[in-house]
Amino acid sequence: MQITHREQIKAAIRMKFGSLGAFEIARELPLRSVTDVLRGKPNRRTTTAIAKEVGCDVDHVISLCSESAIATDSAADESAHGKKLAGAK
């Protein structure tokens, strides 16, 4: 399976381990580190474990998660900007 979105990473891990937390425990990773990586906060050991588990390159995992972090930040900025405009007189 070609991983094209970070949600596919989460789904693949959950299908095999039941939860991201169970994967972290099984691989002796820090608590919530998978979520952090998926949100664009890289951790070398966790990113390497994720890449190995889903069968793709570490750089590919990083690029997918970085793109999603940029999209999330942009949406938050637009939302905050929209609220300021709506409240302005």
N, C-alpha and C. Protein backbone atom coordinates (compact mmCIF):
# COMPACT_ATOMS: atom_id res chain seq x y z
N MET A 1 0.85 -1.19 0.00
CA MET A 1 0.00 0.00 0.00
C MET A 1 0.89 1.25 0.00
N GLN A 2 0.59 2.17 -0.88
CA GLN A 2 1.32 3.43 -0.94
C GLN A 2 0.69 4.41 0.05
N ILE A 3 1.47 4.90 0.99
CA ILE A 3 1.00 5.85 1.98
C ILE A 3 1.06 7.24 1.36
N THR A 4 -0.10 7.92 1.30
CA THR A 4 -0.15 9.25 0.70
C THR A 4 -0.67 10.31 1.66
N HIS A 5 -1.08 9.91 2.85
CA HIS A 5 -1.62 10.86 3.82
C HIS A 5 -1.33 10.36 5.23
N ARG A 6 -1.15 11.26 6.15
CA ARG A 6 -0.82 10.87 7.52
C ARG A 6 -1.92 10.04 8.18
N GLU A 7 -3.16 10.22 7.74
CA GLU A 7 -4.27 9.41 8.28
C GLU A 7 -4.09 7.94 7.93
N GLN A 8 -3.46 7.66 6.80
CA GLN A 8 -3.18 6.28 6.42
C GLN A 8 -2.13 5.67 7.35
N ILE A 9 -1.21 6.48 7.81
CA ILE A 9 -0.22 6.01 8.78
C ILE A 9 -0.93 5.61 10.07
N LYS A 10 -1.78 6.49 10.57
CA LYS A 10 -2.53 6.18 11.79
C LYS A 10 -3.37 4.93 11.62
N ALA A 11 -4.05 4.82 10.49
CA ALA A 11 -4.92 3.66 10.25
C ALA A 11 -4.10 2.36 10.22
N ALA A 12 -2.96 2.39 9.55
CA ALA A 12 -2.13 1.18 9.46
C ALA A 12 -1.65 0.74 10.85
N ILE A 13 -1.25 1.69 11.67
CA ILE A 13 -0.79 1.36 13.02
C ILE A 13 -1.95 0.85 13.87
N ARG A 14 -3.09 1.50 13.78
CA ARG A 14 -4.25 1.07 14.56
C ARG A 14 -4.75 -0.31 14.13
N MET A 15 -4.68 -0.60 12.85
CA MET A 15 -5.13 -1.92 12.38
C MET A 15 -4.26 -3.03 12.96
N LYS A 16 -2.98 -2.78 13.11
CA LYS A 16 -2.08 -3.82 13.61
C LYS A 16 -2.02 -3.86 15.13
N PHE A 17 -2.03 -2.69 15.78
CA PHE A 17 -1.81 -2.63 17.23
C PHE A 17 -3.05 -2.28 18.03
N GLY A 18 -4.10 -1.80 17.38
CA GLY A 18 -5.32 -1.41 18.09
C GLY A 18 -5.37 0.06 18.46
N SER A 19 -4.21 0.64 18.73
CA SER A 19 -4.14 2.06 19.07
C SER A 19 -2.71 2.55 18.87
N LEU A 20 -2.59 3.87 18.80
CA LEU A 20 -1.24 4.45 18.69
C LEU A 20 -0.46 4.19 19.97
N GLY A 21 -1.16 4.27 21.12
CA GLY A 21 -0.52 4.03 22.41
C GLY A 21 0.03 2.62 22.53
N ALA A 22 -0.71 1.64 22.02
CA ALA A 22 -0.24 0.25 22.06
C ALA A 22 1.02 0.09 21.19
N PHE A 23 1.07 0.78 20.06
CA PHE A 23 2.26 0.77 19.21
C PHE A 23 3.44 1.38 19.96
N GLU A 24 3.20 2.50 20.63
CA GLU A 24 4.28 3.15 21.39
C GLU A 24 4.81 2.23 22.48
N ILE A 25 3.91 1.55 23.17
CA ILE A 25 4.34 0.62 24.22
C ILE A 25 5.13 -0.54 23.62
N ALA A 26 4.61 -1.12 22.53
CA ALA A 26 5.27 -2.26 21.90
C ALA A 26 6.66 -1.91 21.39
N ARG A 27 6.83 -0.70 20.93
CA ARG A 27 8.13 -0.27 20.37
C ARG A 27 8.97 0.54 21.37
N GLU A 28 8.47 0.61 22.61
CA GLU A 28 9.16 1.34 23.68
C GLU A 28 9.46 2.79 23.28
N LEU A 29 8.44 3.44 22.78
CA LEU A 29 8.54 4.84 22.37
C LEU A 29 7.93 5.73 23.44
N PRO A 30 8.31 7.00 23.48
CA PRO A 30 7.71 7.92 24.44
C PRO A 30 6.20 8.06 24.23
N LEU A 31 5.49 8.23 25.32
CA LEU A 31 4.05 8.41 25.28
C LEU A 31 3.68 9.61 24.41
N ARG A 32 2.70 9.45 23.54
CA ARG A 32 2.17 10.47 22.63
C ARG A 32 3.17 10.90 21.55
N SER A 33 4.27 10.18 21.41
CA SER A 33 5.27 10.58 20.42
C SER A 33 4.79 10.37 18.99
N VAL A 34 3.96 9.36 18.76
CA VAL A 34 3.43 9.14 17.40
C VAL A 34 2.54 10.31 17.01
N THR A 35 1.67 10.72 17.92
CA THR A 35 0.81 11.87 17.65
C THR A 35 1.64 13.11 17.37
N ASP A 36 2.70 13.30 18.14
CA ASP A 36 3.57 14.46 17.92
C ASP A 36 4.20 14.42 16.53
N VAL A 37 4.69 13.25 16.11
CA VAL A 37 5.28 13.13 14.78
C VAL A 37 4.23 13.42 13.71
N LEU A 38 3.04 12.88 13.89
CA LEU A 38 1.98 13.09 12.89
C LEU A 38 1.53 14.54 12.82
N ARG A 39 1.77 15.29 13.87
CA ARG A 39 1.45 16.72 13.87
C ARG A 39 2.60 17.58 13.38
N GLY A 40 3.69 16.94 12.95
CA GLY A 40 4.81 17.68 12.38
C GLY A 40 5.91 18.01 13.34
N LYS A 41 5.91 17.38 14.52
CA LYS A 41 6.99 17.58 15.50
C LYS A 41 7.88 16.35 15.47
N PRO A 42 8.93 16.36 14.66
CA PRO A 42 9.71 15.15 14.43
C PRO A 42 10.48 14.65 15.66
N ASN A 43 10.55 13.35 15.75
CA ASN A 43 11.33 12.64 16.75
C ASN A 43 11.97 11.50 15.98
N ARG A 44 13.28 11.48 15.91
CA ARG A 44 13.98 10.53 15.04
C ARG A 44 13.60 9.08 15.33
N ARG A 45 13.62 8.68 16.58
CA ARG A 45 13.36 7.28 16.92
C ARG A 45 11.91 6.89 16.58
N THR A 46 10.98 7.77 16.90
CA THR A 46 9.58 7.49 16.61
C THR A 46 9.32 7.49 15.11
N THR A 47 9.86 8.45 14.40
CA THR A 47 9.68 8.53 12.95
C THR A 47 10.24 7.29 12.27
N THR A 48 11.40 6.83 12.72
CA THR A 48 12.01 5.63 12.16
C THR A 48 11.14 4.40 12.42
N ALA A 49 10.58 4.29 13.63
CA ALA A 49 9.70 3.17 13.97
C ALA A 49 8.43 3.19 13.12
N ILE A 50 7.87 4.37 12.92
CA ILE A 50 6.66 4.52 12.09
C ILE A 50 6.97 4.09 10.66
N ALA A 51 8.06 4.60 10.10
CA ALA A 51 8.42 4.29 8.72
C ALA A 51 8.63 2.79 8.54
N LYS A 52 9.31 2.17 9.48
CA LYS A 52 9.54 0.72 9.40
C LYS A 52 8.21 -0.03 9.46
N GLU A 53 7.32 0.40 10.32
CA GLU A 53 6.03 -0.28 10.50
C GLU A 53 5.15 -0.19 9.27
N VAL A 54 5.10 0.97 8.64
CA VAL A 54 4.21 1.14 7.48
C VAL A 54 4.92 0.86 6.16
N GLY A 55 6.20 0.55 6.21
CA GLY A 55 6.93 0.15 5.01
C GLY A 55 7.24 1.27 4.05
N CYS A 56 7.63 2.42 4.59
CA CYS A 56 8.04 3.50 3.70
C CYS A 56 9.29 4.17 4.25
N ASP A 57 9.80 5.09 3.49
CA ASP A 57 11.02 5.80 3.83
C ASP A 57 10.77 6.83 4.93
N VAL A 58 11.75 7.04 5.80
CA VAL A 58 11.65 8.03 6.88
C VAL A 58 11.36 9.41 6.31
N ASP A 59 12.03 9.77 5.23
CA ASP A 59 11.81 11.09 4.62
C ASP A 59 10.38 11.25 4.13
N HIS A 60 9.78 10.17 3.68
CA HIS A 60 8.38 10.23 3.22
C HIS A 60 7.45 10.51 4.40
N VAL A 61 7.68 9.84 5.52
CA VAL A 61 6.87 10.08 6.72
C VAL A 61 7.01 11.54 7.14
N ILE A 62 8.23 12.03 7.18
CA ILE A 62 8.48 13.42 7.58
C ILE A 62 7.76 14.38 6.64
N SER A 63 7.84 14.14 5.33
CA SER A 63 7.21 15.06 4.39
C SER A 63 5.69 15.04 4.54
N LEU A 64 5.09 13.88 4.73
CA LEU A 64 3.63 13.81 4.92
C LEU A 64 3.20 14.56 6.17
N CYS A 65 3.95 14.38 7.24
CA CYS A 65 3.58 15.00 8.51
C CYS A 65 3.88 16.50 8.50
N SER A 66 4.93 16.91 7.81
CA SER A 66 5.24 18.34 7.71
C SER A 66 4.18 19.06 6.91
N GLU A 67 3.73 18.43 5.83
CA GLU A 67 2.68 19.03 5.01
C GLU A 67 1.40 19.21 5.81
N SER A 68 1.05 18.21 6.62
CA SER A 68 -0.18 18.32 7.39
C SER A 68 -0.05 19.38 8.48
N ALA A 69 1.15 19.53 9.04
CA ALA A 69 1.37 20.56 10.06
C ALA A 69 1.23 21.95 9.44
N ILE A 70 1.74 22.13 8.24
CA ILE A 70 1.63 23.42 7.55
C ILE A 70 0.16 23.70 7.24
N ALA A 71 -0.57 22.70 6.76
CA ALA A 71 -1.99 22.88 6.45
C ALA A 71 -2.79 23.22 7.70
N THR A 72 -2.48 22.54 8.81
CA THR A 72 -3.17 22.80 10.07
C THR A 72 -2.89 24.22 10.56
N ASP A 73 -1.62 24.64 10.48
CA ASP A 73 -1.26 26.00 10.90
C ASP A 73 -1.96 27.04 10.03
N SER A 74 -2.02 26.79 8.73
CA SER A 74 -2.67 27.73 7.83
C SER A 74 -4.16 27.86 8.13
N ALA A 75 -4.80 26.73 8.40
CA ALA A 75 -6.23 26.75 8.73
C ALA A 75 -6.47 27.51 10.04
N ALA A 76 -5.59 27.32 11.01
CA ALA A 76 -5.73 28.03 12.29
C ALA A 76 -5.53 29.53 12.09
N ASP A 77 -4.55 29.90 11.26
CA ASP A 77 -4.32 31.32 10.98
C ASP A 77 -5.52 31.95 10.29
N GLU A 78 -6.09 31.24 9.30
CA GLU A 78 -7.25 31.76 8.59
C GLU A 78 -8.44 31.89 9.52
N SER A 79 -8.60 30.91 10.41
CA SER A 79 -9.71 30.95 11.35
C SER A 79 -9.57 32.14 12.29
N ALA A 80 -8.38 32.35 12.81
CA ALA A 80 -8.13 33.46 13.71
C ALA A 80 -8.31 34.78 12.98
N HIS A 81 -7.83 34.85 11.74
CA HIS A 81 -7.97 36.06 10.94
C HIS A 81 -9.44 36.35 10.66
N GLY A 82 -10.19 35.31 10.33
CA GLY A 82 -11.61 35.46 10.05
C GLY A 82 -12.37 35.97 11.27
N LYS A 83 -12.01 35.50 12.45
CA LYS A 83 -12.67 35.94 13.68
C LYS A 83 -12.38 37.43 13.94
N LYS A 84 -11.14 37.83 13.66
CA LYS A 84 -10.81 39.25 13.87
C LYS A 84 -11.61 40.13 12.92
N LEU A 85 -11.76 39.69 11.67
CA LEU A 85 -12.49 40.47 10.69
C LEU A 85 -13.97 40.53 11.06
N ALA A 86 -14.50 39.41 11.53
CA ALA A 86 -15.93 39.36 11.87
C ALA A 86 -16.23 40.28 13.04
N GLY A 87 -15.29 40.42 13.97
CA GLY A 87 -15.52 41.25 15.14
C GLY A 87 -15.16 42.71 14.95
N ALA A 88 -14.50 43.03 13.83
CA ALA A 88 -14.06 44.40 13.60
C ALA A 88 -15.24 45.28 13.19
N LYS A 89 -15.13 46.56 13.55
CA LYS A 89 -16.19 47.53 13.19
C LYS A 89 -15.72 48.44 12.09
